[in-house]
């Protein structure tokens, strides 16, 4: 476990205790725009580690794409036959979830997700606490949880990728 993952794990455990939620997980954007879960507290198994959320799909993928917090109830997904797009909710048996983007240079670079295995409406205080925890996790991500090596699937970045301006869209910020 990297230093960043250890720090992320501690922050997730603190948040889970504070909110009384069943699960708290943090993931970082992978190369290609998907999301890989890196640390968790309260997870029923380690299956989250092998899951990859596709960009714009599921709760985490949507939060990563739009850059705003979102909440959902699994009952709504079952009614719309969309639950299959939410692998983490299925694997952990979550009924309620709230996800917050983790930002790097004002761009979504990861997701913090808290969840409950019983139906729960996350109160404003819970949402604010999750958003504050997301800001703390952003600082931890820079130190390791979301390092360039983690985002690139475990490989070292190539020299061209490390050049100034690498990875930025042509013409500067939008």
N, C-alpha and C. Protein backbone atom coordinates (compact mmCIF):
# COMPACT_ATOMS: atom_id res chain seq x y z
N UNK A 1 0.86 -1.18 0.00
CA UNK A 1 0.00 0.00 0.00
C UNK A 1 0.90 1.24 0.00
N UNK A 2 0.63 2.16 -0.92
CA UNK A 2 1.44 3.37 -1.01
C UNK A 2 1.09 4.32 0.14
N UNK A 3 1.94 5.31 0.36
CA UNK A 3 1.67 6.32 1.39
C UNK A 3 0.35 7.02 1.13
N UNK A 4 0.09 7.37 -0.13
CA UNK A 4 -1.16 8.03 -0.49
C UNK A 4 -2.37 7.17 -0.20
N UNK A 5 -2.27 5.86 -0.51
CA UNK A 5 -3.38 4.94 -0.24
C UNK A 5 -3.61 4.81 1.26
N UNK A 6 -2.50 4.77 2.03
CA UNK A 6 -2.63 4.67 3.49
C UNK A 6 -3.30 5.93 4.05
N UNK A 7 -2.86 7.10 3.61
CA UNK A 7 -3.49 8.35 4.06
C UNK A 7 -4.94 8.43 3.63
N UNK A 8 -5.22 7.99 2.41
CA UNK A 8 -6.60 7.97 1.92
C UNK A 8 -7.46 7.03 2.74
N UNK A 9 -6.90 5.87 3.09
CA UNK A 9 -7.61 4.89 3.91
C UNK A 9 -7.99 5.49 5.26
N UNK A 10 -7.05 6.18 5.89
CA UNK A 10 -7.31 6.80 7.19
C UNK A 10 -8.40 7.86 7.09
N UNK A 11 -8.35 8.67 6.05
CA UNK A 11 -9.37 9.72 5.86
C UNK A 11 -10.74 9.09 5.63
N UNK A 12 -10.80 8.02 4.86
CA UNK A 12 -12.07 7.34 4.59
C UNK A 12 -12.65 6.73 5.87
N UNK A 13 -11.79 6.14 6.69
CA UNK A 13 -12.26 5.56 7.95
C UNK A 13 -12.81 6.64 8.87
N UNK A 14 -12.13 7.78 8.93
CA UNK A 14 -12.59 8.89 9.76
C UNK A 14 -13.96 9.39 9.26
N UNK A 15 -14.10 9.56 7.97
CA UNK A 15 -15.35 10.03 7.39
C UNK A 15 -16.48 9.04 7.65
N UNK A 16 -16.21 7.76 7.48
CA UNK A 16 -17.24 6.74 7.69
C UNK A 16 -17.73 6.74 9.13
N UNK A 17 -16.80 6.87 10.07
CA UNK A 17 -17.19 6.96 11.49
C UNK A 17 -18.01 8.21 11.75
N UNK A 18 -17.57 9.34 11.21
CA UNK A 18 -18.25 10.63 11.43
C UNK A 18 -19.69 10.61 10.90
N UNK A 19 -19.90 10.03 9.73
CA UNK A 19 -21.22 10.06 9.10
C UNK A 19 -22.08 8.85 9.43
N UNK A 20 -21.48 7.80 9.94
CA UNK A 20 -22.24 6.59 10.22
C UNK A 20 -22.68 5.88 8.95
N UNK A 21 -21.94 6.07 7.86
CA UNK A 21 -22.28 5.37 6.62
C UNK A 21 -21.55 4.03 6.60
N UNK A 22 -21.99 3.14 5.73
CA UNK A 22 -21.42 1.79 5.69
C UNK A 22 -20.12 1.71 4.90
N UNK A 23 -20.01 2.49 3.84
CA UNK A 23 -18.87 2.39 2.93
C UNK A 23 -18.41 3.78 2.52
N UNK A 24 -17.09 3.94 2.42
CA UNK A 24 -16.49 5.15 1.84
C UNK A 24 -15.34 4.68 0.96
N UNK A 25 -15.34 5.08 -0.31
CA UNK A 25 -14.29 4.67 -1.24
C UNK A 25 -13.80 5.89 -2.02
N UNK A 26 -12.53 5.83 -2.41
CA UNK A 26 -11.93 6.90 -3.22
C UNK A 26 -11.29 6.27 -4.44
N UNK A 27 -11.51 6.90 -5.57
CA UNK A 27 -10.92 6.43 -6.82
C UNK A 27 -10.28 7.57 -7.57
N UNK A 28 -9.36 7.21 -8.47
CA UNK A 28 -8.68 8.22 -9.27
C UNK A 28 -8.89 7.93 -10.75
N UNK A 29 -8.84 8.99 -11.53
CA UNK A 29 -8.99 8.85 -12.97
C UNK A 29 -7.80 8.09 -13.53
N UNK A 30 -8.10 7.14 -14.39
CA UNK A 30 -7.07 6.36 -15.07
C UNK A 30 -6.87 6.92 -16.47
N UNK A 31 -5.79 6.51 -17.11
CA UNK A 31 -5.56 6.94 -18.48
C UNK A 31 -6.74 6.46 -19.32
N UNK A 32 -7.24 7.29 -20.19
CA UNK A 32 -8.41 6.94 -20.99
C UNK A 32 -9.70 7.46 -20.40
N UNK A 33 -9.63 8.09 -19.22
CA UNK A 33 -10.80 8.73 -18.64
C UNK A 33 -11.61 7.89 -17.70
N UNK A 34 -11.30 6.61 -17.54
CA UNK A 34 -12.03 5.77 -16.59
C UNK A 34 -11.61 6.06 -15.16
N UNK A 35 -12.15 5.29 -14.24
CA UNK A 35 -11.85 5.50 -12.82
C UNK A 35 -11.49 4.18 -12.18
N UNK A 36 -10.42 4.17 -11.37
CA UNK A 36 -9.99 2.99 -10.61
C UNK A 36 -10.12 3.31 -9.13
N UNK A 37 -10.77 2.42 -8.40
CA UNK A 37 -10.91 2.60 -6.95
C UNK A 37 -9.59 2.24 -6.29
N UNK A 38 -9.09 3.10 -5.40
CA UNK A 38 -7.78 2.92 -4.79
C UNK A 38 -7.81 2.66 -3.29
N UNK A 39 -8.80 3.17 -2.58
CA UNK A 39 -8.85 2.99 -1.13
C UNK A 39 -10.31 2.91 -0.70
N UNK A 40 -10.55 2.14 0.37
CA UNK A 40 -11.93 1.99 0.85
C UNK A 40 -11.94 1.73 2.34
N UNK A 41 -13.05 2.07 2.95
CA UNK A 41 -13.32 1.76 4.35
C UNK A 41 -14.72 1.17 4.41
N UNK A 42 -14.85 0.02 5.04
CA UNK A 42 -16.15 -0.61 5.19
C UNK A 42 -16.56 -1.49 4.02
N UNK A 43 -15.67 -1.68 3.06
CA UNK A 43 -15.99 -2.51 1.90
C UNK A 43 -16.17 -3.96 2.33
N UNK A 44 -17.14 -4.64 1.73
CA UNK A 44 -17.43 -6.04 2.06
C UNK A 44 -16.31 -6.97 1.58
N UNK A 45 -15.59 -6.56 0.54
CA UNK A 45 -14.49 -7.36 0.01
C UNK A 45 -13.52 -6.43 -0.71
N UNK A 46 -12.48 -7.00 -1.29
CA UNK A 46 -11.52 -6.20 -2.06
C UNK A 46 -11.89 -6.12 -3.54
N UNK A 47 -13.09 -6.54 -3.91
CA UNK A 47 -13.49 -6.52 -5.32
C UNK A 47 -13.44 -5.12 -5.92
N UNK A 48 -13.63 -4.10 -5.09
CA UNK A 48 -13.60 -2.73 -5.61
C UNK A 48 -12.28 -2.43 -6.30
N UNK A 49 -11.19 -3.06 -5.85
CA UNK A 49 -9.86 -2.78 -6.42
C UNK A 49 -9.74 -3.17 -7.89
N UNK A 50 -10.51 -4.17 -8.33
CA UNK A 50 -10.41 -4.61 -9.72
C UNK A 50 -11.46 -3.96 -10.62
N UNK A 51 -12.34 -3.18 -10.03
CA UNK A 51 -13.40 -2.53 -10.81
C UNK A 51 -12.87 -1.27 -11.48
N UNK A 52 -13.32 -1.06 -12.69
CA UNK A 52 -13.01 0.16 -13.42
C UNK A 52 -14.33 0.76 -13.88
N UNK A 53 -14.56 1.99 -13.52
CA UNK A 53 -15.79 2.69 -13.93
C UNK A 53 -15.49 3.39 -15.25
N UNK A 54 -16.37 3.23 -16.20
CA UNK A 54 -16.19 3.87 -17.50
C UNK A 54 -16.61 5.33 -17.43
N UNK A 55 -15.96 6.18 -18.23
CA UNK A 55 -16.31 7.61 -18.22
C UNK A 55 -17.77 7.82 -18.57
N UNK A 56 -18.46 8.61 -17.76
CA UNK A 56 -19.84 8.95 -18.03
C UNK A 56 -20.84 7.86 -17.72
N UNK A 57 -20.40 6.70 -17.20
CA UNK A 57 -21.30 5.59 -16.88
C UNK A 57 -21.30 5.39 -15.37
N UNK A 58 -22.43 5.09 -14.82
CA UNK A 58 -22.53 4.88 -13.39
C UNK A 58 -22.38 6.18 -12.62
N UNK A 59 -22.49 6.08 -11.32
CA UNK A 59 -22.43 7.28 -10.49
C UNK A 59 -21.04 7.92 -10.53
N UNK A 60 -20.00 7.13 -10.28
CA UNK A 60 -18.65 7.69 -10.25
C UNK A 60 -18.23 8.23 -11.61
N UNK A 61 -18.53 7.50 -12.67
CA UNK A 61 -18.17 7.95 -14.01
C UNK A 61 -18.87 9.25 -14.39
N UNK A 62 -20.12 9.39 -13.96
CA UNK A 62 -20.86 10.62 -14.25
C UNK A 62 -20.31 11.79 -13.44
N UNK A 63 -20.02 11.55 -12.16
CA UNK A 63 -19.44 12.61 -11.32
C UNK A 63 -18.10 13.05 -11.88
N UNK A 64 -17.29 12.08 -12.32
CA UNK A 64 -15.99 12.40 -12.91
C UNK A 64 -16.17 13.22 -14.19
N UNK A 65 -17.18 12.91 -14.96
CA UNK A 65 -17.41 13.61 -16.23
C UNK A 65 -17.95 15.02 -16.01
N UNK A 66 -18.97 15.17 -15.14
CA UNK A 66 -19.61 16.49 -14.98
C UNK A 66 -18.95 17.35 -13.91
N UNK A 67 -18.18 16.74 -13.00
CA UNK A 67 -17.47 17.50 -11.99
C UNK A 67 -18.33 18.07 -10.88
N UNK A 68 -19.50 17.46 -10.63
CA UNK A 68 -20.38 17.93 -9.56
C UNK A 68 -20.83 16.75 -8.70
N UNK A 69 -21.12 17.00 -7.42
CA UNK A 69 -21.62 15.92 -6.56
C UNK A 69 -22.97 15.40 -7.04
N UNK A 70 -23.22 14.12 -6.77
CA UNK A 70 -24.50 13.51 -7.13
C UNK A 70 -24.88 12.49 -6.07
N UNK A 71 -26.19 12.31 -5.89
CA UNK A 71 -26.72 11.30 -4.97
C UNK A 71 -27.67 10.41 -5.75
N UNK A 72 -27.82 9.17 -5.27
CA UNK A 72 -28.81 8.30 -5.90
C UNK A 72 -29.28 7.23 -4.92
N UNK A 73 -30.41 6.65 -5.27
CA UNK A 73 -31.01 5.55 -4.53
C UNK A 73 -31.08 4.35 -5.48
N UNK A 74 -30.64 3.18 -5.02
CA UNK A 74 -30.64 1.99 -5.86
C UNK A 74 -32.04 1.61 -6.32
N UNK A 75 -33.05 1.91 -5.53
CA UNK A 75 -34.43 1.57 -5.90
C UNK A 75 -34.83 2.27 -7.21
N UNK A 76 -34.37 3.50 -7.39
CA UNK A 76 -34.66 4.23 -8.63
C UNK A 76 -33.99 3.55 -9.82
N UNK A 77 -32.78 3.03 -9.60
CA UNK A 77 -32.05 2.36 -10.68
C UNK A 77 -32.72 1.04 -11.06
N UNK A 78 -33.17 0.30 -10.04
CA UNK A 78 -33.86 -0.96 -10.31
C UNK A 78 -35.12 -0.72 -11.13
N UNK A 79 -35.85 0.32 -10.79
CA UNK A 79 -37.09 0.63 -11.50
C UNK A 79 -36.80 0.96 -12.97
N UNK A 80 -35.70 1.62 -13.22
CA UNK A 80 -35.33 1.99 -14.59
C UNK A 80 -34.44 0.96 -15.26
N UNK A 81 -34.21 -0.17 -14.61
CA UNK A 81 -33.36 -1.26 -15.13
C UNK A 81 -31.96 -0.74 -15.50
N UNK A 82 -31.40 0.09 -14.65
CA UNK A 82 -30.08 0.67 -14.91
C UNK A 82 -29.04 0.21 -13.90
N UNK A 83 -29.39 -0.65 -12.98
CA UNK A 83 -28.49 -1.03 -11.91
C UNK A 83 -27.19 -1.65 -12.43
N UNK A 84 -27.23 -2.33 -13.58
CA UNK A 84 -26.03 -2.98 -14.12
C UNK A 84 -24.92 -1.97 -14.44
N UNK A 85 -25.25 -0.70 -14.58
CA UNK A 85 -24.24 0.33 -14.85
C UNK A 85 -23.54 0.81 -13.58
N UNK A 86 -23.86 0.20 -12.44
CA UNK A 86 -23.33 0.64 -11.15
C UNK A 86 -22.69 -0.54 -10.43
N UNK A 87 -21.54 -1.03 -10.91
CA UNK A 87 -20.94 -2.24 -10.35
C UNK A 87 -20.58 -2.14 -8.87
N UNK A 88 -20.12 -0.98 -8.42
CA UNK A 88 -19.76 -0.84 -7.02
C UNK A 88 -20.99 -0.96 -6.12
N UNK A 89 -22.09 -0.37 -6.54
CA UNK A 89 -23.32 -0.46 -5.75
C UNK A 89 -23.78 -1.91 -5.65
N UNK A 90 -23.67 -2.66 -6.74
CA UNK A 90 -24.06 -4.07 -6.73
C UNK A 90 -23.12 -4.87 -5.82
N UNK A 91 -21.80 -4.72 -6.01
CA UNK A 91 -20.82 -5.49 -5.25
C UNK A 91 -20.92 -5.24 -3.75
N UNK A 92 -21.20 -4.01 -3.37
CA UNK A 92 -21.25 -3.66 -1.95
C UNK A 92 -22.67 -3.71 -1.38
N UNK A 93 -23.66 -3.97 -2.21
CA UNK A 93 -25.04 -4.04 -1.75
C UNK A 93 -25.57 -2.71 -1.24
N UNK A 94 -25.17 -1.63 -1.90
CA UNK A 94 -25.56 -0.29 -1.45
C UNK A 94 -26.95 0.08 -1.93
N UNK A 95 -27.72 0.67 -1.05
CA UNK A 95 -29.06 1.17 -1.39
C UNK A 95 -29.04 2.67 -1.66
N UNK A 96 -28.10 3.39 -1.03
CA UNK A 96 -28.00 4.84 -1.17
C UNK A 96 -26.53 5.21 -1.34
N UNK A 97 -26.27 6.22 -2.14
CA UNK A 97 -24.89 6.66 -2.34
C UNK A 97 -24.85 8.15 -2.65
N UNK A 98 -23.73 8.76 -2.28
CA UNK A 98 -23.45 10.16 -2.58
C UNK A 98 -22.00 10.23 -3.03
N UNK A 99 -21.74 10.86 -4.16
CA UNK A 99 -20.39 10.94 -4.71
C UNK A 99 -19.99 12.38 -4.95
N UNK A 100 -18.72 12.67 -4.67
CA UNK A 100 -18.16 14.01 -4.79
C UNK A 100 -16.90 13.94 -5.66
N UNK A 101 -16.72 14.86 -6.61
CA UNK A 101 -15.49 14.83 -7.41
C UNK A 101 -14.28 15.26 -6.59
N UNK A 102 -13.14 14.66 -6.89
CA UNK A 102 -11.86 15.09 -6.34
C UNK A 102 -11.18 15.87 -7.46
N UNK A 103 -10.75 17.08 -7.15
CA UNK A 103 -10.23 17.97 -8.18
C UNK A 103 -8.71 18.11 -8.10
N UNK A 104 -8.10 18.24 -9.26
CA UNK A 104 -6.69 18.58 -9.38
C UNK A 104 -6.61 19.66 -10.45
N UNK A 105 -6.04 20.79 -10.11
CA UNK A 105 -5.98 21.93 -11.03
C UNK A 105 -7.37 22.27 -11.56
N UNK A 106 -8.35 22.26 -10.67
CA UNK A 106 -9.75 22.61 -10.96
C UNK A 106 -10.44 21.66 -11.93
N UNK A 107 -9.84 20.50 -12.18
CA UNK A 107 -10.46 19.49 -13.06
C UNK A 107 -10.72 18.22 -12.26
N UNK A 108 -11.84 17.55 -12.53
CA UNK A 108 -12.12 16.29 -11.83
C UNK A 108 -11.03 15.26 -12.12
N UNK A 109 -10.43 14.71 -11.06
CA UNK A 109 -9.38 13.72 -11.23
C UNK A 109 -9.65 12.46 -10.42
N UNK A 110 -10.76 12.45 -9.71
CA UNK A 110 -11.12 11.29 -8.91
C UNK A 110 -12.49 11.48 -8.30
N UNK A 111 -12.91 10.49 -7.51
CA UNK A 111 -14.24 10.52 -6.90
C UNK A 111 -14.17 9.96 -5.49
N UNK A 112 -14.87 10.62 -4.58
CA UNK A 112 -15.13 10.10 -3.24
C UNK A 112 -16.58 9.67 -3.23
N UNK A 113 -16.84 8.42 -2.83
CA UNK A 113 -18.21 7.91 -2.78
C UNK A 113 -18.48 7.39 -1.37
N UNK A 114 -19.59 7.83 -0.79
CA UNK A 114 -20.04 7.27 0.49
C UNK A 114 -21.35 6.55 0.21
N UNK A 115 -21.59 5.47 0.95
CA UNK A 115 -22.79 4.71 0.69
C UNK A 115 -23.34 4.03 1.92
N UNK A 116 -24.61 3.67 1.81
CA UNK A 116 -25.32 2.99 2.90
C UNK A 116 -25.98 1.74 2.34
N UNK A 117 -25.92 0.65 3.10
CA UNK A 117 -26.55 -0.60 2.68
C UNK A 117 -28.04 -0.64 3.01
N UNK A 118 -28.53 0.42 3.61
CA UNK A 118 -29.97 0.56 3.84
C UNK A 118 -30.39 1.91 3.24
N UNK A 119 -31.66 2.06 2.86
CA UNK A 119 -32.08 3.33 2.27
C UNK A 119 -31.80 4.50 3.22
N UNK A 120 -31.18 5.53 2.69
CA UNK A 120 -30.81 6.69 3.51
C UNK A 120 -30.75 7.92 2.61
N UNK A 121 -31.34 8.98 3.07
CA UNK A 121 -31.19 10.27 2.38
C UNK A 121 -30.07 11.01 3.10
N UNK A 122 -28.99 11.29 2.39
CA UNK A 122 -27.87 11.99 3.00
C UNK A 122 -28.26 13.44 3.26
N UNK A 123 -28.20 13.84 4.52
CA UNK A 123 -28.57 15.20 4.93
C UNK A 123 -27.54 16.20 4.43
N UNK A 124 -27.90 17.47 4.45
CA UNK A 124 -26.98 18.52 4.02
C UNK A 124 -25.67 18.47 4.81
N UNK A 125 -25.76 18.19 6.11
CA UNK A 125 -24.55 18.12 6.94
C UNK A 125 -23.65 16.97 6.47
N UNK A 126 -24.24 15.83 6.09
CA UNK A 126 -23.47 14.69 5.58
C UNK A 126 -22.79 15.07 4.26
N UNK A 127 -23.52 15.76 3.42
CA UNK A 127 -22.97 16.16 2.12
C UNK A 127 -21.82 17.15 2.29
N UNK A 128 -21.98 18.09 3.21
CA UNK A 128 -20.90 19.05 3.47
C UNK A 128 -19.67 18.36 4.05
N UNK A 129 -19.88 17.39 4.94
CA UNK A 129 -18.76 16.64 5.52
C UNK A 129 -18.04 15.84 4.43
N UNK A 130 -18.80 15.25 3.51
CA UNK A 130 -18.19 14.49 2.40
C UNK A 130 -17.40 15.43 1.49
N UNK A 131 -17.93 16.61 1.24
CA UNK A 131 -17.22 17.57 0.39
C UNK A 131 -15.93 18.05 1.06
N UNK A 132 -15.97 18.25 2.39
CA UNK A 132 -14.76 18.65 3.12
C UNK A 132 -13.73 17.51 3.08
N UNK A 133 -14.19 16.28 3.24
CA UNK A 133 -13.29 15.12 3.17
C UNK A 133 -12.68 15.01 1.77
N UNK A 134 -13.46 15.33 0.74
CA UNK A 134 -12.95 15.30 -0.63
C UNK A 134 -11.80 16.29 -0.79
N UNK A 135 -11.93 17.48 -0.20
CA UNK A 135 -10.84 18.46 -0.29
C UNK A 135 -9.58 17.92 0.39
N UNK A 136 -9.74 17.24 1.54
CA UNK A 136 -8.57 16.66 2.22
C UNK A 136 -7.98 15.52 1.38
N UNK A 137 -8.82 14.71 0.76
CA UNK A 137 -8.33 13.62 -0.08
C UNK A 137 -7.59 14.14 -1.30
N UNK A 138 -7.99 15.29 -1.81
CA UNK A 138 -7.28 15.88 -2.95
C UNK A 138 -5.82 16.12 -2.59
N UNK A 139 -5.58 16.63 -1.39
CA UNK A 139 -4.20 16.88 -0.95
C UNK A 139 -3.43 15.57 -0.83
N UNK A 140 -4.09 14.54 -0.35
CA UNK A 140 -3.45 13.23 -0.21
C UNK A 140 -3.16 12.63 -1.58
N UNK A 141 -4.08 12.82 -2.52
CA UNK A 141 -3.91 12.25 -3.85
C UNK A 141 -2.64 12.75 -4.53
N UNK A 142 -2.33 14.00 -4.32
CA UNK A 142 -1.13 14.56 -4.95
C UNK A 142 0.10 13.84 -4.44
N UNK A 143 0.05 13.38 -3.19
CA UNK A 143 1.19 12.70 -2.60
C UNK A 143 1.31 11.23 -2.96
N UNK A 144 0.32 10.62 -3.61
CA UNK A 144 0.49 9.21 -3.93
C UNK A 144 -0.75 8.51 -4.42
N UNK A 145 -1.89 8.75 -3.80
CA UNK A 145 -3.10 8.03 -4.18
C UNK A 145 -3.41 8.27 -5.65
N UNK A 146 -3.22 9.48 -6.10
CA UNK A 146 -3.51 9.78 -7.50
C UNK A 146 -2.26 10.15 -8.26
N UNK A 147 -1.15 9.52 -7.95
CA UNK A 147 0.09 9.86 -8.63
C UNK A 147 -0.01 9.55 -10.12
N UNK A 148 0.87 10.11 -10.88
CA UNK A 148 0.88 9.88 -12.33
C UNK A 148 1.00 8.39 -12.62
N UNK A 149 1.82 7.69 -11.85
CA UNK A 149 2.01 6.26 -12.07
C UNK A 149 0.69 5.51 -11.84
N UNK A 150 -0.06 5.86 -10.79
CA UNK A 150 -1.35 5.21 -10.53
C UNK A 150 -2.33 5.48 -11.67
N UNK A 151 -2.39 6.71 -12.15
CA UNK A 151 -3.33 7.06 -13.21
C UNK A 151 -3.00 6.33 -14.50
N UNK A 152 -1.71 6.07 -14.74
CA UNK A 152 -1.29 5.46 -15.99
C UNK A 152 -1.21 3.94 -15.90
N UNK A 153 -1.91 3.35 -14.95
CA UNK A 153 -2.00 1.90 -14.87
C UNK A 153 -0.73 1.23 -14.38
N UNK A 154 0.08 1.92 -13.58
CA UNK A 154 1.26 1.31 -12.99
C UNK A 154 2.54 1.51 -13.78
N UNK A 155 2.48 2.09 -14.98
CA UNK A 155 3.70 2.30 -15.75
C UNK A 155 4.26 3.68 -15.46
N UNK A 156 5.54 3.81 -15.65
CA UNK A 156 6.18 5.11 -15.50
C UNK A 156 5.80 5.99 -16.69
N UNK A 157 5.61 7.30 -16.49
CA UNK A 157 5.29 8.18 -17.61
C UNK A 157 6.47 8.31 -18.56
N UNK A 158 6.19 8.45 -19.85
CA UNK A 158 7.22 8.66 -20.85
C UNK A 158 7.70 10.11 -20.78
N UNK A 159 8.90 10.36 -21.29
CA UNK A 159 9.48 11.70 -21.23
C UNK A 159 8.58 12.73 -21.90
N UNK A 160 7.96 12.37 -23.01
CA UNK A 160 7.08 13.31 -23.72
C UNK A 160 5.88 13.69 -22.87
N UNK A 161 5.42 12.76 -22.02
CA UNK A 161 4.28 13.05 -21.17
C UNK A 161 4.65 13.99 -20.03
N UNK A 162 5.92 14.05 -19.70
CA UNK A 162 6.38 14.88 -18.60
C UNK A 162 6.74 16.29 -19.08
N UNK A 163 6.73 16.52 -20.39
CA UNK A 163 7.09 17.82 -20.94
C UNK A 163 6.08 18.87 -20.51
N UNK A 164 6.53 20.12 -20.35
CA UNK A 164 5.58 21.18 -20.00
C UNK A 164 4.45 21.24 -21.02
N UNK A 165 3.23 21.32 -20.52
CA UNK A 165 2.07 21.41 -21.40
C UNK A 165 1.52 20.07 -21.84
N UNK A 166 2.21 18.96 -21.49
CA UNK A 166 1.72 17.64 -21.88
C UNK A 166 0.39 17.37 -21.20
N UNK A 167 -0.53 16.82 -21.94
CA UNK A 167 -1.83 16.47 -21.39
C UNK A 167 -2.84 17.60 -21.40
N UNK A 168 -2.42 18.78 -21.84
CA UNK A 168 -3.35 19.91 -21.89
C UNK A 168 -3.98 19.97 -23.28
N UNK A 169 -5.24 20.39 -23.36
CA UNK A 169 -5.86 20.50 -24.68
C UNK A 169 -5.20 21.60 -25.49
N UNK A 170 -5.15 21.43 -26.83
CA UNK A 170 -4.57 22.49 -27.66
C UNK A 170 -5.34 23.79 -27.47
N UNK A 171 -4.62 24.87 -27.45
CA UNK A 171 -5.27 26.17 -27.32
C UNK A 171 -5.52 26.59 -25.88
N UNK A 172 -5.03 25.82 -24.92
CA UNK A 172 -5.17 26.20 -23.51
C UNK A 172 -6.49 25.77 -22.92
N UNK A 173 -6.79 26.28 -21.73
CA UNK A 173 -8.01 25.88 -21.02
C UNK A 173 -9.26 26.31 -21.77
N UNK A 174 -10.30 25.54 -21.60
CA UNK A 174 -11.57 25.86 -22.25
C UNK A 174 -12.35 26.86 -21.46
